[in-house]
Amino acid sequence: MDILKIHKMGNSVGANFSDEIVRKFNLAEGDTLIVTETQDGVCLTPYTPELDSAMSAFEITRKKYRNALKKLAK
C-alpha cells in the first residue's frame, strides 16, 4: 500500500508521488490523472473515455487503410 500526504501548495493543495510510484505507473510531470469516486473512496487513473473511443475508431480504420498507413510510416 502506498500513502500520499496532501500538502498546501499556494492557494491549492497537492500530493507528492514517490519515485517508486512514478516509475511503477510510468508517470511524468504534466501527466493528467482522472479522479473517480468509488464505493471504496477515490480512484486515480490516467484512463480517459475519449482515448478508449478514439482507439476503437482507429482499430476500424487501421484495417481498412492498412496499405496507406504503411506508406505514411515510411
C-alpha atoms as a PDB file:
ATOM      1  CA  MET A   1       0.000   0.000   0.000  1.00  0.00           C
ATOM      2  CA  ASP A   2       1.246   3.479  -0.881  1.00  0.00           C
ATOM      3  CA  ILE A   3       0.315   6.559   1.140  1.00  0.00           C
ATOM      4  CA  LEU A   4       0.058  10.090  -0.257  1.00  0.00           C
ATOM      5  CA  LYS A   5       0.001  13.060   2.082  1.00  0.00           C
ATOM      6  CA  ILE A   6      -1.868  16.201   0.999  1.00  0.00           C
ATOM      7  CA  HIS A   7       0.172  19.432   1.258  1.00  0.00           C
ATOM      8  CA  LYS A   8      -0.750  23.088   0.846  1.00  0.00           C
ATOM      9  CA  MET A   9       0.725  24.474  -2.391  1.00  0.00           C
ATOM     10  CA  GLY A  10      -0.006  28.187  -2.738  1.00  0.00           C
ATOM     11  CA  ASN A  11      -3.793  28.601  -2.800  1.00  0.00           C
ATOM     12  CA  SER A  12      -4.332  24.913  -3.631  1.00  0.00           C
ATOM     13  CA  VAL A  13      -3.416  21.532  -2.215  1.00  0.00           C
ATOM     14  CA  GLY A  14      -1.467  18.727  -3.836  1.00  0.00           C
ATOM     15  CA  ALA A  15       0.319  15.468  -3.220  1.00  0.00           C
ATOM     16  CA  ASN A  16       3.836  14.279  -3.955  1.00  0.00           C
ATOM     17  CA  PHE A  17       4.294  10.859  -5.540  1.00  0.00           C
ATOM     18  CA  SER A  18       7.324   8.815  -4.529  1.00  0.00           C
ATOM     19  CA  ASP A  19       9.870   7.855  -7.180  1.00  0.00           C
ATOM     20  CA  GLU A  20       8.696   4.256  -6.817  1.00  0.00           C
ATOM     21  CA  ILE A  21       5.087   5.177  -7.726  1.00  0.00           C
ATOM     22  CA  VAL A  22       6.252   7.361 -10.628  1.00  0.00           C
ATOM     23  CA  ARG A  23       8.331   4.507 -12.087  1.00  0.00           C
ATOM     24  CA  LYS A  24       5.755   1.788 -11.382  1.00  0.00           C
ATOM     25  CA  PHE A  25       2.942   3.638 -13.165  1.00  0.00           C
ATOM     26  CA  ASN A  26       5.112   5.357 -15.789  1.00  0.00           C
ATOM     27  CA  LEU A  27       4.088   8.843 -14.648  1.00  0.00           C
ATOM     28  CA  ALA A  28       5.758  12.098 -15.638  1.00  0.00           C
ATOM     29  CA  GLU A  29       5.415  15.776 -14.824  1.00  0.00           C
ATOM     30  CA  GLY A  30       2.436  17.211 -16.691  1.00  0.00           C
ATOM     31  CA  ASP A  31       0.520  13.918 -16.926  1.00  0.00           C
ATOM     32  CA  THR A  32      -3.217  14.097 -16.318  1.00  0.00           C
ATOM     33  CA  LEU A  33      -4.907  11.790 -13.830  1.00  0.00           C
ATOM     34  CA  ILE A  34      -8.667  11.289 -13.775  1.00  0.00           C
ATOM     35  CA  VAL A  35     -10.267  11.309 -10.300  1.00  0.00           C
ATOM     36  CA  THR A  36     -13.232   8.948  -9.933  1.00  0.00           C
ATOM     37  CA  GLU A  37     -15.329   8.460  -6.817  1.00  0.00           C
ATOM     38  CA  THR A  38     -15.871   4.786  -5.969  1.00  0.00           C
ATOM     39  CA  GLN A  39     -17.669   2.918  -3.205  1.00  0.00           C
ATOM     40  CA  ASP A  40     -14.294   2.452  -1.502  1.00  0.00           C
ATOM     41  CA  GLY A  41     -13.149   6.071  -1.856  1.00  0.00           C
ATOM     42  CA  VAL A  42     -11.211   7.692  -4.686  1.00  0.00           C
ATOM     43  CA  CYS A  43      -9.539   6.181  -7.750  1.00  0.00           C
ATOM     44  CA  LEU A  44      -6.766   7.975  -9.689  1.00  0.00           C
ATOM     45  CA  THR A  45      -6.212   6.755 -13.241  1.00  0.00           C
ATOM     46  CA  PRO A  46      -4.692   8.028 -16.497  1.00  0.00           C
ATOM     47  CA  TYR A  47      -7.599   6.348 -18.358  1.00  0.00           C
ATOM     48  CA  THR A  48      -9.918   8.639 -20.289  1.00  0.00           C
ATOM     49  CA  PRO A  49     -13.108   7.513 -22.042  1.00  0.00           C
ATOM     50  CA  GLU A  50     -12.211   9.744 -25.028  1.00  0.00           C
ATOM     51  CA  LEU A  51      -8.995   7.788 -25.619  1.00  0.00           C
ATOM     52  CA  ASP A  52     -10.855   4.480 -25.478  1.00  0.00           C
ATOM     53  CA  SER A  53     -13.335   5.767 -28.058  1.00  0.00           C
ATOM     54  CA  ALA A  54     -10.538   7.063 -30.300  1.00  0.00           C
ATOM     55  CA  MET A  55      -8.663   3.755 -30.121  1.00  0.00           C
ATOM     56  CA  SER A  56     -11.814   1.838 -31.097  1.00  0.00           C
ATOM     57  CA  ALA A  57     -12.246   4.099 -34.123  1.00  0.00           C
ATOM     58  CA  PHE A  58      -8.564   3.641 -35.011  1.00  0.00           C
ATOM     59  CA  GLU A  59      -8.890  -0.150 -34.928  1.00  0.00           C
ATOM     60  CA  ILE A  60     -11.642   0.020 -37.567  1.00  0.00           C
ATOM     61  CA  THR A  61      -9.678   2.483 -39.700  1.00  0.00           C
ATOM     62  CA  ARG A  62      -6.387   0.628 -39.307  1.00  0.00           C
ATOM     63  CA  LYS A  63      -7.714  -2.448 -41.061  1.00  0.00           C
ATOM     64  CA  LYS A  64      -9.390  -0.520 -43.865  1.00  0.00           C
ATOM     65  CA  TYR A  65      -6.390   1.718 -44.650  1.00  0.00           C
ATOM     66  CA  ARG A  66      -3.549  -0.689 -43.819  1.00  0.00           C
ATOM     67  CA  ASN A  67      -1.585  -0.020 -47.028  1.00  0.00           C
ATOM     68  CA  ALA A  68      -1.881   3.755 -46.751  1.00  0.00           C
ATOM     69  CA  LEU A  69      -0.713   3.679 -43.133  1.00  0.00           C
ATOM     70  CA  LYS A  70       2.321   1.580 -44.122  1.00  0.00           C
ATOM     71  CA  LYS A  71       3.283   4.160 -46.760  1.00  0.00           C
ATOM     72  CA  LEU A  72       2.807   7.028 -44.319  1.00  0.00           C
ATOM     73  CA  ALA A  73       5.036   5.282 -41.788  1.00  0.00           C
ATOM     74  CA  LYS A  74       7.982   5.254 -44.225  1.00  0.00           C
END
